[in-house]
Amino acid sequence: MFKKHACYLSLFLLAAPLVATAQDVPADHESPVQLALARLPTACPGLAAHLDAPAQSLLQAFYQQQGEQLLWSSSERSAALQAQLQQLADDGLDPIHYRSPDDVAAGDALCSDLSLSQHYLQALHDLHYGRLPQERFEPMWHAQPLQPDRQAQLLAIAGPGLQDIAAAFALARPSLAHYQNLRQLYAQQRLLALPHWQPLASGPLLRPQMQDARVPELAQRLFKEGYLSAQPKALDTLYSSDLVSAVKSFQLSHSLQADGVLGAGTLNELNISPHMRREQLRINLERFRWLAQDLEPDSLLVNLAAAQLTVYQGGVAVWQTRTQVGRAERQTPLLKSRVTRLTLNPTWTVPPTIFREDKLPEIRRDQSFLNRQNLQVLDSQGHPLAVEDIDWDNPGNILLRQDAGPRNPLGQMAIRFPNPFSVYLHDTPSQALFNKGPRAFSSGCVRVEHALQLRDLLVSPAERVRTDELLSTGLTHEFRLTTPVPILLTYWTAQADSHGQLSYAPDIYGRDAALLVALGGKP
């Protein structure tokens, strides 16, 4: 799953003799390829108009690597490239983006060769890194920003790949299981005719054994999608137990609360069109191309849309749990960092936004709110202040802090990692909310179900014993991990498992539509 990048060095070494060959060409004997690349706007204006500076630099390096020779005169190689470009449709990429402009295709052999190489390199780039720049659409903050040499990595694939075009595309394509599973499913579904159905009408909550005029249409819909096994009766308006079970199955596969009640959230997911559902697969293939750049073999991976945390060890998912994430107006940020410490029996200092928007209005209404919530008032240096001495209409630079204990919103433990957003993972006394769906309840931090089980996966057996001892004291302690663990907070709304089972998550932050438009689709 995570081994593909180890191939780069060996492939680059295979390409090294070709680079040496290019360097042996005397400077005063410039080849036609060199001359054309040096004067691209005049030599091949149709191609130059479609190349930015990085793409032109990559194209020049590619031909230098190959000894400044024409590369696509072999009809067999050209046909292999065209076949692979057409198969990009299975990756959710539009093959039309990798087609030479008419003025290039009809031009001379040299410009045509350069154009084919450019599309070859662009396709490998888009497969490997994504067609869209993540930083423009869903920026990911990195604690330790990496600056990979994309040109060197692409040349390490593209050069040797000329001997086997299909192998080059396979190597560029992410080996990440998320990507491979979803691609296989999308490749099948994109060839099928889209089903057609009318949106279900809004109405009151539909509970088991109620009568409702929407029931026949709901039953037909779930039957066509495979959630209901028996053909429903056309005029039956009873919300029966079989139909309730089908709705629960639908809710589970769409990251909703599986209570069998047809409410606004379930209705919204039911009414997403078949076209948009299919386009969601394309959107998330792009996200998984981004994800493949960041996910490490030993990692904590949080999918914010599904509010789910997965622990990877050696590239294998070993544990999974539910989370609660930031609501739409206080979104949990996308980031990559490393878990470095645990705060055991944490106190909670109220963040500025929560203080200003949530706590201060409550205090102004009734100052006894502070006692009921066990909140201390402190100055900026952490010294206690008397509640009655504060002008709550203009409180100034003060802090609210809650001591450790069973009512503390951080529970028994906070899991810390460097980031500029002041977010972290933590335990919570709000356990009932884990049964909801979607689970966007927090002000940005990520609440973790079974947080102590997650602790067990982050520490050694001896450290587990020690942290248990510290927890039992009831006092606040900072515990540093011997081995920091990468953590990735990211976002996707559709995935498939190894059996081809598809599942969705509500687009809680409303990001799918912008990605779809950027990829050339219509919402």
Protein backbone atom coordinates (compact mmCIF):
# COMPACT_ATOMS: atom_id res chain seq x y z
CA MET A 1 0.00 0.00 0.00
CA PHE A 2 2.79 2.44 0.90
CA LYS A 3 5.75 0.85 -0.92
CA LYS A 4 5.56 2.49 -4.33
CA HIS A 5 7.82 5.45 -3.51
CA ALA A 6 10.70 3.07 -2.83
CA CYS A 7 10.75 2.38 -6.58
CA TYR A 8 11.78 5.91 -7.48
CA LEU A 9 15.49 5.52 -6.73
CA SER A 10 15.91 2.30 -8.68
CA LEU A 11 13.98 3.71 -11.64
CA PHE A 12 16.01 6.88 -11.58
CA LEU A 13 19.23 4.88 -11.61
CA LEU A 14 17.93 2.99 -14.64
CA ALA A 15 17.39 6.31 -16.35
CA ALA A 16 20.85 7.67 -15.43
CA PRO A 17 22.71 6.22 -18.46
CA LEU A 18 20.21 8.00 -20.70
CA VAL A 19 20.96 11.30 -18.98
CA ALA A 20 24.67 10.69 -19.47
CA THR A 21 24.07 10.08 -23.18
CA ALA A 22 22.33 13.43 -23.46
CA GLN A 23 25.24 15.19 -21.76
CA ASP A 24 27.68 13.75 -24.32
CA VAL A 25 26.07 15.76 -27.15
CA PRO A 26 28.49 18.60 -28.04
CA ALA A 27 27.11 22.09 -27.47
CA ASP A 28 27.87 23.17 -31.05
CA HIS A 29 25.81 20.32 -32.52
CA GLU A 30 22.35 21.18 -31.21
CA SER A 31 19.74 18.67 -32.28
CA PRO A 32 16.44 19.68 -33.88
CA VAL A 33 14.74 18.81 -30.60
CA GLN A 34 17.04 21.14 -28.65
CA LEU A 35 16.48 23.94 -31.11
CA ALA A 36 12.70 23.50 -31.05
CA LEU A 37 12.56 23.44 -27.26
CA ALA A 38 14.78 26.52 -27.01
CA ARG A 39 12.52 28.41 -29.44
CA LEU A 40 9.21 26.79 -28.61
CA PRO A 41 6.91 29.84 -29.13
CA THR A 42 8.12 30.18 -32.72
CA ALA A 43 8.89 26.53 -33.49
CA CYS A 44 5.63 25.08 -32.08
CA PRO A 45 3.35 28.00 -31.15
CA GLY A 46 0.27 25.80 -30.73
CA LEU A 47 2.08 23.73 -28.09
CA ALA A 48 3.80 26.67 -26.39
CA ALA A 49 0.45 28.35 -25.77
CA HIS A 50 -0.59 25.43 -23.56
CA LEU A 51 2.61 25.13 -21.49
CA ASP A 52 3.53 27.02 -18.34
CA ALA A 53 7.15 27.37 -17.21
CA PRO A 54 7.28 24.21 -15.00
CA ALA A 55 5.75 22.08 -17.78
CA GLN A 56 8.23 23.42 -20.33
CA SER A 57 11.13 22.78 -17.95
CA LEU A 58 9.95 19.20 -17.41
CA LEU A 59 9.60 18.65 -21.14
CA GLN A 60 13.14 19.90 -21.75
CA ALA A 61 14.55 17.70 -18.97
CA PHE A 62 12.67 14.69 -20.36
CA TYR A 63 14.16 15.06 -23.84
CA GLN A 64 17.59 15.70 -22.37
CA GLN A 65 17.23 12.49 -20.40
CA GLN A 66 16.39 10.68 -23.63
CA GLY A 67 19.32 12.06 -25.64
CA GLU A 68 17.32 14.71 -27.52
CA GLN A 69 15.74 12.04 -29.74
CA LEU A 70 12.23 11.86 -31.19
CA LEU A 71 10.32 9.47 -28.95
CA TRP A 72 7.00 8.67 -30.62
CA SER A 73 7.94 7.65 -34.16
CA SER A 74 7.09 4.05 -33.24
CA SER A 75 3.43 3.47 -34.00
CA GLU A 76 3.35 0.77 -31.33
CA ARG A 77 4.54 3.16 -28.61
CA SER A 78 2.16 5.89 -29.76
CA ALA A 79 -0.76 3.47 -29.76
CA ALA A 80 0.16 2.30 -26.25
CA LEU A 81 0.16 5.91 -25.05
CA GLN A 82 -3.22 6.64 -26.62
CA ALA A 83 -4.66 3.53 -25.01
CA GLN A 84 -3.45 4.61 -21.57
CA LEU A 85 -4.72 8.16 -22.05
CA GLN A 86 -8.18 6.79 -22.84
CA GLN A 87 -8.07 4.66 -19.70
CA LEU A 88 -7.63 7.81 -17.60
CA ALA A 89 -11.43 7.97 -17.72
CA ASP A 90 -11.39 5.14 -15.16
CA ASP A 91 -9.41 7.47 -12.87
CA GLY A 92 -12.04 10.18 -13.17
CA LEU A 93 -9.78 12.22 -15.48
CA ASP A 94 -11.12 13.43 -18.82
CA PRO A 95 -9.00 12.07 -21.72
CA ILE A 96 -9.83 15.18 -23.73
CA HIS A 97 -7.42 17.12 -21.49
CA TYR A 98 -4.57 15.04 -22.92
CA ARG A 99 -5.32 15.56 -26.60
CA SER A 100 -3.09 17.65 -28.85
CA PRO A 101 -4.57 20.90 -30.20
CA ASP A 102 -5.59 20.70 -33.85
CA ASP A 103 -2.85 23.06 -34.99
CA VAL A 104 -0.23 20.85 -33.31
CA ALA A 105 -1.68 17.54 -34.43
CA ALA A 106 -1.73 18.75 -38.02
CA GLY A 107 1.78 20.23 -37.82
CA ASP A 108 5.19 18.72 -38.39
CA ALA A 109 6.50 15.52 -36.85
CA LEU A 110 8.75 17.32 -34.38
CA CYS A 111 5.98 19.42 -32.81
CA SER A 112 3.71 16.40 -32.76
CA ASP A 113 6.39 14.41 -30.92
CA LEU A 114 6.86 17.17 -28.36
CA SER A 115 3.10 17.39 -27.87
CA LEU A 116 2.77 13.65 -27.25
CA SER A 117 5.55 13.83 -24.68
CA GLN A 118 3.88 16.75 -22.96
CA HIS A 119 0.62 14.82 -22.66
CA TYR A 120 2.51 11.76 -21.44
CA LEU A 121 4.20 13.79 -18.71
CA GLN A 122 1.03 15.69 -17.81
CA ALA A 123 -0.95 12.47 -17.48
CA LEU A 124 1.69 10.93 -15.20
CA HIS A 125 1.71 14.11 -13.11
CA ASP A 126 -2.08 14.25 -12.78
CA LEU A 127 -2.32 10.57 -11.89
CA HIS A 128 0.37 10.84 -9.26
CA TYR A 129 -0.23 14.22 -7.64
CA GLY A 130 -3.74 15.14 -8.73
CA ARG A 131 -4.96 17.28 -11.60
CA LEU A 132 -5.87 20.17 -9.30
CA PRO A 133 -3.52 21.88 -6.80
CA GLN A 134 -4.79 20.92 -3.36
CA GLU A 135 -3.53 24.16 -1.84
CA ARG A 136 -6.01 26.09 -3.99
CA PHE A 137 -9.11 24.08 -3.16
CA GLU A 138 -8.63 22.25 0.14
CA PRO A 139 -5.36 23.55 1.63
CA MET A 140 -3.56 21.22 4.00
CA TRP A 141 -1.36 22.74 6.71
CA HIS A 142 1.88 20.79 7.30
CA ALA A 143 3.91 20.89 10.50
CA GLN A 144 6.96 19.80 8.49
CA PRO A 145 6.35 20.97 4.91
CA LEU A 146 7.89 18.69 2.31
CA GLN A 147 9.26 20.05 -0.92
CA PRO A 148 9.51 16.95 -3.14
CA ASP A 149 11.39 17.28 -6.40
CA ARG A 150 8.40 16.52 -8.62
CA GLN A 151 10.43 16.85 -11.78
CA ALA A 152 12.94 14.22 -10.65
CA GLN A 153 10.15 11.90 -9.48
CA LEU A 154 8.25 12.19 -12.76
CA LEU A 155 11.39 11.65 -14.83
CA ALA A 156 12.13 8.53 -12.78
CA ILE A 157 8.77 7.15 -13.91
CA ALA A 158 8.54 8.59 -17.42
CA GLY A 159 12.00 7.70 -18.74
CA PRO A 160 12.04 3.95 -18.04
CA GLY A 161 8.30 3.93 -18.73
CA LEU A 162 8.89 4.53 -22.43
CA GLN A 163 9.75 0.83 -22.66
CA ASP A 164 6.38 -0.10 -21.10
CA ILE A 165 3.82 2.69 -21.20
CA ALA A 166 1.20 0.74 -19.26
CA ALA A 167 3.69 0.04 -16.47
CA ALA A 168 4.54 3.76 -16.26
CA PHE A 169 0.88 4.68 -15.79
CA ALA A 170 0.44 1.92 -13.22
CA LEU A 171 3.45 3.20 -11.28
CA ALA A 172 2.22 6.80 -11.36
CA ARG A 173 -1.25 5.76 -10.18
CA PRO A 174 -1.51 5.76 -6.33
CA SER A 175 -1.18 2.32 -4.77
CA LEU A 176 -3.26 3.55 -1.81
CA ALA A 177 -6.10 1.10 -1.15
CA HIS A 178 -8.59 3.99 -0.91
CA TYR A 179 -7.70 4.92 -4.47
CA GLN A 180 -7.48 1.47 -6.01
CA ASN A 181 -10.82 0.32 -4.55
CA LEU A 182 -12.69 3.45 -5.60
CA ARG A 183 -11.13 3.47 -9.08
CA GLN A 184 -12.19 -0.11 -9.70
CA LEU A 185 -15.76 0.69 -8.69
CA TYR A 186 -15.89 3.91 -10.70
CA ALA A 187 -14.53 2.15 -13.80
CA GLN A 188 -17.55 -0.16 -13.63
CA GLN A 189 -20.17 2.44 -12.75
CA ARG A 190 -19.22 5.05 -15.33
CA LEU A 191 -20.20 2.63 -18.12
CA LEU A 192 -23.68 2.02 -16.71
CA ALA A 193 -26.75 4.08 -17.56
CA LEU A 194 -27.70 6.44 -14.76
CA PRO A 195 -30.94 5.56 -13.00
CA HIS A 196 -33.71 8.15 -12.90
CA TRP A 197 -35.92 9.07 -9.98
CA GLN A 198 -37.82 12.05 -8.68
CA PRO A 199 -36.75 13.67 -5.40
CA LEU A 200 -38.82 12.61 -2.41
CA ALA A 201 -41.10 15.33 -1.09
CA SER A 202 -40.41 16.96 2.22
CA GLY A 203 -42.76 16.31 5.09
CA PRO A 204 -43.00 15.50 8.81
CA LEU A 205 -40.68 13.00 10.47
CA LEU A 206 -41.58 9.52 9.29
CA ARG A 207 -41.34 6.97 12.10
CA PRO A 208 -41.96 3.20 12.10
CA GLN A 209 -45.57 2.08 11.64
CA MET A 210 -46.74 5.51 10.52
CA GLN A 211 -48.79 6.04 7.37
CA ASP A 212 -47.41 8.46 4.77
CA ALA A 213 -48.14 9.10 1.09
CA ARG A 214 -44.37 9.13 0.39
CA VAL A 215 -43.92 5.49 1.44
CA PRO A 216 -44.55 3.84 -1.98
CA GLU A 217 -42.02 6.10 -3.70
CA LEU A 218 -39.51 5.62 -0.87
CA ALA A 219 -39.92 1.84 -1.09
CA GLN A 220 -39.45 1.80 -4.87
CA ARG A 221 -36.35 3.91 -4.55
CA LEU A 222 -34.73 1.67 -1.92
CA PHE A 223 -35.72 -1.45 -3.86
CA LYS A 224 -34.01 -0.17 -7.02
CA GLU A 225 -30.85 0.59 -5.03
CA GLY A 226 -30.77 -2.86 -3.46
CA TYR A 227 -31.62 -1.87 0.12
CA LEU A 228 -35.03 -3.55 -0.02
CA SER A 229 -35.11 -7.18 -1.14
CA ALA A 230 -38.79 -7.60 -2.08
CA GLN A 231 -40.75 -5.66 -4.70
CA PRO A 232 -42.92 -3.21 -2.69
CA LYS A 233 -46.67 -2.94 -3.11
CA ALA A 234 -47.59 0.11 -5.16
CA LEU A 235 -50.33 1.48 -2.87
CA ASP A 236 -49.01 0.50 0.55
CA THR A 237 -48.47 3.66 2.62
CA LEU A 238 -47.45 1.89 5.87
CA TYR A 239 -43.87 2.52 7.00
CA SER A 240 -43.34 -1.16 7.76
CA SER A 241 -40.51 -2.90 9.61
CA ASP A 242 -38.94 -4.16 6.35
CA LEU A 243 -38.83 -0.64 4.96
CA VAL A 244 -37.46 0.69 8.25
CA SER A 245 -34.62 -1.85 8.04
CA ALA A 246 -33.90 -0.73 4.48
CA VAL A 247 -33.76 2.91 5.58
CA LYS A 248 -31.36 1.96 8.39
CA SER A 249 -29.08 0.24 5.88
CA PHE A 250 -29.17 3.33 3.69
CA GLN A 251 -28.35 5.51 6.70
CA LEU A 252 -25.40 3.33 7.69
CA SER A 253 -23.91 3.45 4.20
CA HIS A 254 -24.26 7.26 4.15
CA SER A 255 -22.72 7.98 7.59
CA LEU A 256 -26.07 8.92 9.11
CA GLN A 257 -27.66 8.00 12.41
CA ALA A 258 -29.16 4.56 11.75
CA ASP A 259 -32.43 5.10 13.62
CA GLY A 260 -34.81 4.30 10.75
CA VAL A 261 -36.45 7.72 11.05
CA LEU A 262 -36.88 9.61 7.79
CA GLY A 263 -35.90 13.16 8.72
CA ALA A 264 -34.29 16.10 6.95
CA GLY A 265 -30.76 14.65 6.96
CA THR A 266 -31.77 11.29 5.50
CA LEU A 267 -34.10 12.97 3.00
CA ASN A 268 -31.28 15.24 1.83
CA GLU A 269 -28.98 12.27 1.19
CA LEU A 270 -31.76 10.36 -0.59
CA ASN A 271 -32.38 13.34 -2.86
CA ILE A 272 -28.80 13.73 -4.08
CA SER A 273 -29.12 12.96 -7.78
CA PRO A 274 -27.64 9.83 -9.39
CA HIS A 275 -25.46 12.11 -11.52
CA MET A 276 -23.99 13.84 -8.45
CA ARG A 277 -23.47 10.51 -6.69
CA ARG A 278 -21.38 9.29 -9.61
CA GLU A 279 -19.49 12.57 -9.79
CA GLN A 280 -18.67 12.21 -6.10
CA LEU A 281 -16.58 9.19 -7.03
CA ARG A 282 -14.52 11.35 -9.44
CA ILE A 283 -14.16 14.07 -6.83
CA ASN A 284 -12.85 11.67 -4.23
CA LEU A 285 -10.46 9.95 -6.62
CA GLU A 286 -8.81 13.38 -6.86
CA ARG A 287 -8.76 13.68 -3.07
CA PHE A 288 -7.16 10.27 -2.75
CA ARG A 289 -4.43 11.33 -5.20
CA TRP A 290 -3.71 14.13 -2.73
CA LEU A 291 -3.98 11.81 0.26
CA ALA A 292 -1.40 9.43 -1.22
CA GLN A 293 1.23 12.18 -0.88
CA ASP A 294 0.73 12.53 2.88
CA LEU A 295 -0.35 9.21 4.40
CA GLU A 296 2.51 7.38 6.10
CA PRO A 297 2.62 3.67 7.05
CA ASP A 298 2.23 4.47 10.77
CA SER A 299 -0.42 7.16 11.06
CA LEU A 300 -3.61 8.41 12.63
CA LEU A 301 -6.01 9.25 9.79
CA VAL A 302 -9.17 11.26 10.47
CA ASN A 303 -11.82 11.63 7.77
CA LEU A 304 -13.67 14.74 8.89
CA ALA A 305 -16.68 14.21 6.60
CA ALA A 306 -17.42 10.76 8.02
CA ALA A 307 -16.17 11.74 11.52
CA GLN A 308 -14.04 8.60 11.69
CA LEU A 309 -10.50 7.92 12.90
CA THR A 310 -8.36 5.01 11.66
CA VAL A 311 -5.01 3.88 13.07
CA TYR A 312 -2.48 2.52 10.59
CA GLN A 313 0.51 0.42 11.59
CA GLY A 314 2.90 -0.77 8.91
CA GLY A 315 0.44 0.41 6.25
CA VAL A 316 -2.40 -1.72 7.66
CA ALA A 317 -5.55 -0.36 9.31
CA VAL A 318 -5.53 -1.90 12.80
CA TRP A 319 -8.22 0.08 14.64
CA GLN A 320 -11.07 2.43 13.89
CA THR A 321 -13.38 4.57 15.97
CA ARG A 322 -15.98 7.30 15.69
CA THR A 323 -15.22 10.96 16.27
CA GLN A 324 -17.04 14.27 16.58
CA VAL A 325 -15.67 17.11 14.45
CA GLY A 326 -16.16 20.84 13.97
CA ARG A 327 -19.53 22.05 12.81
CA ALA A 328 -19.80 23.93 9.51
CA GLU A 329 -19.36 27.38 11.05
CA ARG A 330 -16.31 26.21 13.08
CA GLN A 331 -14.68 23.72 10.77
CA THR A 332 -11.88 21.41 11.82
CA PRO A 333 -8.86 22.36 9.69
CA LEU A 334 -7.07 20.03 7.32
CA LEU A 335 -3.56 19.39 8.60
CA LYS A 336 -0.64 17.01 8.92
CA SER A 337 1.39 16.96 12.12
CA ARG A 338 2.83 14.53 14.66
CA VAL A 339 1.31 13.53 17.99
CA THR A 340 3.98 14.37 20.54
CA ARG A 341 2.30 14.33 23.97
CA LEU A 342 -0.75 13.42 26.01
CA THR A 343 -2.36 15.69 28.58
CA LEU A 344 -3.76 13.43 31.29
CA ASN A 345 -6.63 14.75 33.42
CA PRO A 346 -6.57 17.98 31.40
CA THR A 347 -7.91 21.32 32.46
CA TRP A 348 -9.80 23.24 29.79
CA THR A 349 -9.06 26.83 28.93
CA VAL A 350 -12.00 28.18 26.96
CA PRO A 351 -10.82 29.21 23.46
CA PRO A 352 -11.42 32.87 22.50
CA THR A 353 -14.17 32.13 19.96
CA ILE A 354 -16.12 29.92 22.37
CA PHE A 355 -15.64 32.49 25.14
CA ARG A 356 -16.87 35.35 22.98
CA GLU A 357 -19.73 33.62 21.18
CA ASP A 358 -20.92 30.97 23.64
CA LYS A 359 -19.86 31.62 27.23
CA LEU A 360 -19.98 35.41 27.52
CA PRO A 361 -23.67 35.72 26.53
CA GLU A 362 -24.55 33.05 29.13
CA ILE A 363 -22.54 34.84 31.84
CA ARG A 364 -24.19 38.18 31.02
CA ARG A 365 -27.60 36.56 31.46
CA ASP A 366 -26.70 34.82 34.72
CA GLN A 367 -23.33 34.92 36.48
CA SER A 368 -24.16 31.72 38.37
CA PHE A 369 -23.45 30.01 35.03
CA LEU A 370 -19.76 30.10 36.02
CA ASN A 371 -20.36 28.06 39.18
CA ARG A 372 -22.66 25.62 37.44
CA GLN A 373 -20.00 25.00 34.78
CA ASN A 374 -17.15 24.91 37.36
CA LEU A 375 -15.36 27.72 35.48
CA GLN A 376 -12.62 29.83 37.06
CA VAL A 377 -11.91 33.39 35.93
CA LEU A 378 -8.21 34.18 35.43
CA ASP A 379 -6.17 37.10 34.21
CA SER A 380 -3.80 36.75 31.27
CA GLN A 381 -1.04 35.51 33.62
CA GLY A 382 -3.30 32.82 35.09
CA HIS A 383 -4.07 34.55 38.39
CA PRO A 384 -7.60 34.08 39.81
CA LEU A 385 -10.02 37.01 39.59
CA ALA A 386 -13.19 37.71 41.54
CA VAL A 387 -16.28 37.36 39.39
CA GLU A 388 -17.99 40.38 40.92
CA ASP A 389 -15.03 42.66 40.10
CA ILE A 390 -15.34 42.14 36.35
CA ASP A 391 -17.32 44.35 33.98
CA TRP A 392 -18.89 41.59 31.89
CA ASP A 393 -19.97 44.09 29.23
CA ASN A 394 -16.28 44.85 28.69
CA PRO A 395 -14.36 42.01 30.39
CA GLY A 396 -10.97 42.75 28.85
CA ASN A 397 -8.18 40.18 28.57
CA ILE A 398 -9.41 37.40 30.82
CA LEU A 399 -9.50 33.60 30.64
CA LEU A 400 -12.02 30.99 31.69
CA ARG A 401 -10.63 27.66 32.85
CA GLN A 402 -12.33 24.46 33.98
CA ASP A 403 -10.53 22.08 36.32
CA ALA A 404 -9.98 18.43 35.50
CA GLY A 405 -12.84 16.14 36.40
CA PRO A 406 -15.78 14.16 35.04
CA ARG A 407 -17.55 17.29 33.74
CA ASN A 408 -14.49 18.61 31.92
CA PRO A 409 -15.24 18.69 28.15
CA LEU A 410 -11.82 17.16 27.41
CA GLY A 411 -12.57 14.05 29.48
CA GLN A 412 -9.59 12.12 30.80
CA MET A 413 -7.12 12.93 28.06
CA ALA A 414 -6.13 15.32 25.30
CA ILE A 415 -3.88 14.19 22.44
CA ARG A 416 -1.61 17.03 21.36
CA PHE A 417 0.19 17.82 18.12
CA PRO A 418 1.79 21.07 16.89
CA ASN A 419 -0.51 23.27 14.77
CA PRO A 420 -1.44 26.95 14.54
CA PHE A 421 -5.18 26.32 14.97
CA SER A 422 -5.11 25.26 18.66
CA VAL A 423 -6.90 22.01 17.79
CA TYR A 424 -6.26 18.56 19.21
CA LEU A 425 -7.93 15.19 19.76
CA HIS A 426 -9.58 14.57 23.09
CA ASP A 427 -11.84 12.39 25.19
CA THR A 428 -15.33 13.73 25.94
CA PRO A 429 -18.16 13.20 28.42
CA SER A 430 -20.61 13.71 25.50
CA GLN A 431 -20.63 10.02 24.65
CA ALA A 432 -24.24 9.90 23.43
CA LEU A 433 -23.35 12.11 20.46
CA PHE A 434 -21.22 9.32 18.96
CA ASN A 435 -24.46 7.55 18.05
CA LYS A 436 -25.54 10.48 15.89
CA GLY A 437 -24.71 11.10 12.27
CA PRO A 438 -23.35 13.29 10.87
CA ARG A 439 -21.25 14.10 13.93
CA ALA A 440 -20.30 17.75 13.39
CA PHE A 441 -20.77 19.11 16.92
CA SER A 442 -17.46 20.57 18.11
CA SER A 443 -15.84 23.99 17.78
CA GLY A 444 -12.94 22.58 15.76
CA CYS A 445 -11.23 20.00 17.95
CA VAL A 446 -11.83 16.29 17.35
CA ARG A 447 -13.58 14.30 20.08
CA VAL A 448 -12.61 10.62 20.10
CA GLU A 449 -14.71 7.66 21.15
CA HIS A 450 -12.77 5.13 23.27
CA ALA A 451 -9.90 7.60 23.69
CA LEU A 452 -8.04 5.36 26.12
CA GLN A 453 -7.97 2.57 23.56
CA LEU A 454 -6.35 5.03 21.18
CA ARG A 455 -3.84 5.85 23.94
CA ASP A 456 -2.94 2.15 24.08
CA LEU A 457 -1.96 2.24 20.40
CA LEU A 458 0.29 5.27 20.88
CA VAL A 459 2.38 4.04 23.84
CA SER A 460 4.41 1.02 24.89
CA PRO A 461 3.06 -1.43 27.51
CA ALA A 462 5.26 0.17 30.18
CA GLU A 463 4.04 3.64 29.19
CA ARG A 464 0.47 2.44 29.39
CA VAL A 465 1.00 1.37 32.99
CA ARG A 466 2.61 4.71 33.79
CA THR A 467 -0.16 6.75 32.19
CA ASP A 468 -2.76 4.70 34.10
CA GLU A 469 -0.95 5.61 37.33
CA LEU A 470 -0.96 9.29 36.43
CA LEU A 471 -4.62 9.20 35.45
CA SER A 472 -5.54 7.67 38.79
CA THR A 473 -4.12 10.68 40.67
CA GLY A 474 -6.75 12.99 39.19
CA LEU A 475 -4.05 15.61 38.69
CA THR A 476 -3.04 17.14 35.38
CA HIS A 477 0.12 15.69 33.83
CA GLU A 478 1.89 16.17 30.51
CA PHE A 479 3.21 12.89 29.10
CA ARG A 480 5.59 12.95 26.12
CA LEU A 481 5.49 10.09 23.64
CA THR A 482 8.73 8.22 23.10
CA THR A 483 7.89 7.95 19.40
CA PRO A 484 5.80 10.76 17.86
CA VAL A 485 3.08 9.46 15.52
CA PRO A 486 2.02 11.20 12.28
CA ILE A 487 -1.55 12.47 12.26
CA LEU A 488 -3.54 13.52 9.21
CA LEU A 489 -6.86 15.37 9.37
CA THR A 490 -8.39 15.24 5.91
CA TYR A 491 -11.72 15.10 4.08
CA TRP A 492 -13.51 12.80 1.65
CA THR A 493 -17.16 12.00 0.97
CA ALA A 494 -17.13 8.63 -0.84
CA GLN A 495 -15.07 5.47 -0.63
CA ALA A 496 -15.22 1.79 -1.54
CA ASP A 497 -13.87 -1.21 0.34
CA SER A 498 -11.99 -4.16 -1.11
CA HIS A 499 -15.31 -5.96 -1.78
CA GLY A 500 -16.63 -3.11 -3.91
CA GLN A 501 -19.01 -1.89 -1.20
CA LEU A 502 -19.59 1.83 -1.62
CA SER A 503 -20.18 4.23 1.27
CA TYR A 504 -20.77 7.96 1.40
CA ALA A 505 -20.43 10.71 3.97
CA PRO A 506 -22.44 13.95 4.01
CA ASP A 507 -20.54 16.88 2.53
CA ILE A 508 -20.70 18.70 5.88
CA TYR A 509 -18.40 21.53 4.77
CA GLY A 510 -19.92 21.95 1.29
CA ARG A 511 -16.72 21.29 -0.66
CA ASP A 512 -17.76 18.81 -3.34
CA ALA A 513 -19.38 21.28 -5.76
CA ALA A 514 -16.29 23.49 -6.15
CA LEU A 515 -14.08 20.46 -6.83
CA LEU A 516 -16.51 19.10 -9.38
CA VAL A 517 -16.60 22.38 -11.32
CA ALA A 518 -12.79 22.58 -11.26
CA LEU A 519 -12.56 19.04 -12.64
CA GLY A 520 -14.81 20.06 -15.53
CA GLY A 521 -18.10 18.62 -14.30
CA LYS A 522 -21.52 20.09 -13.63
CA PRO A 523 -23.07 20.01 -10.14
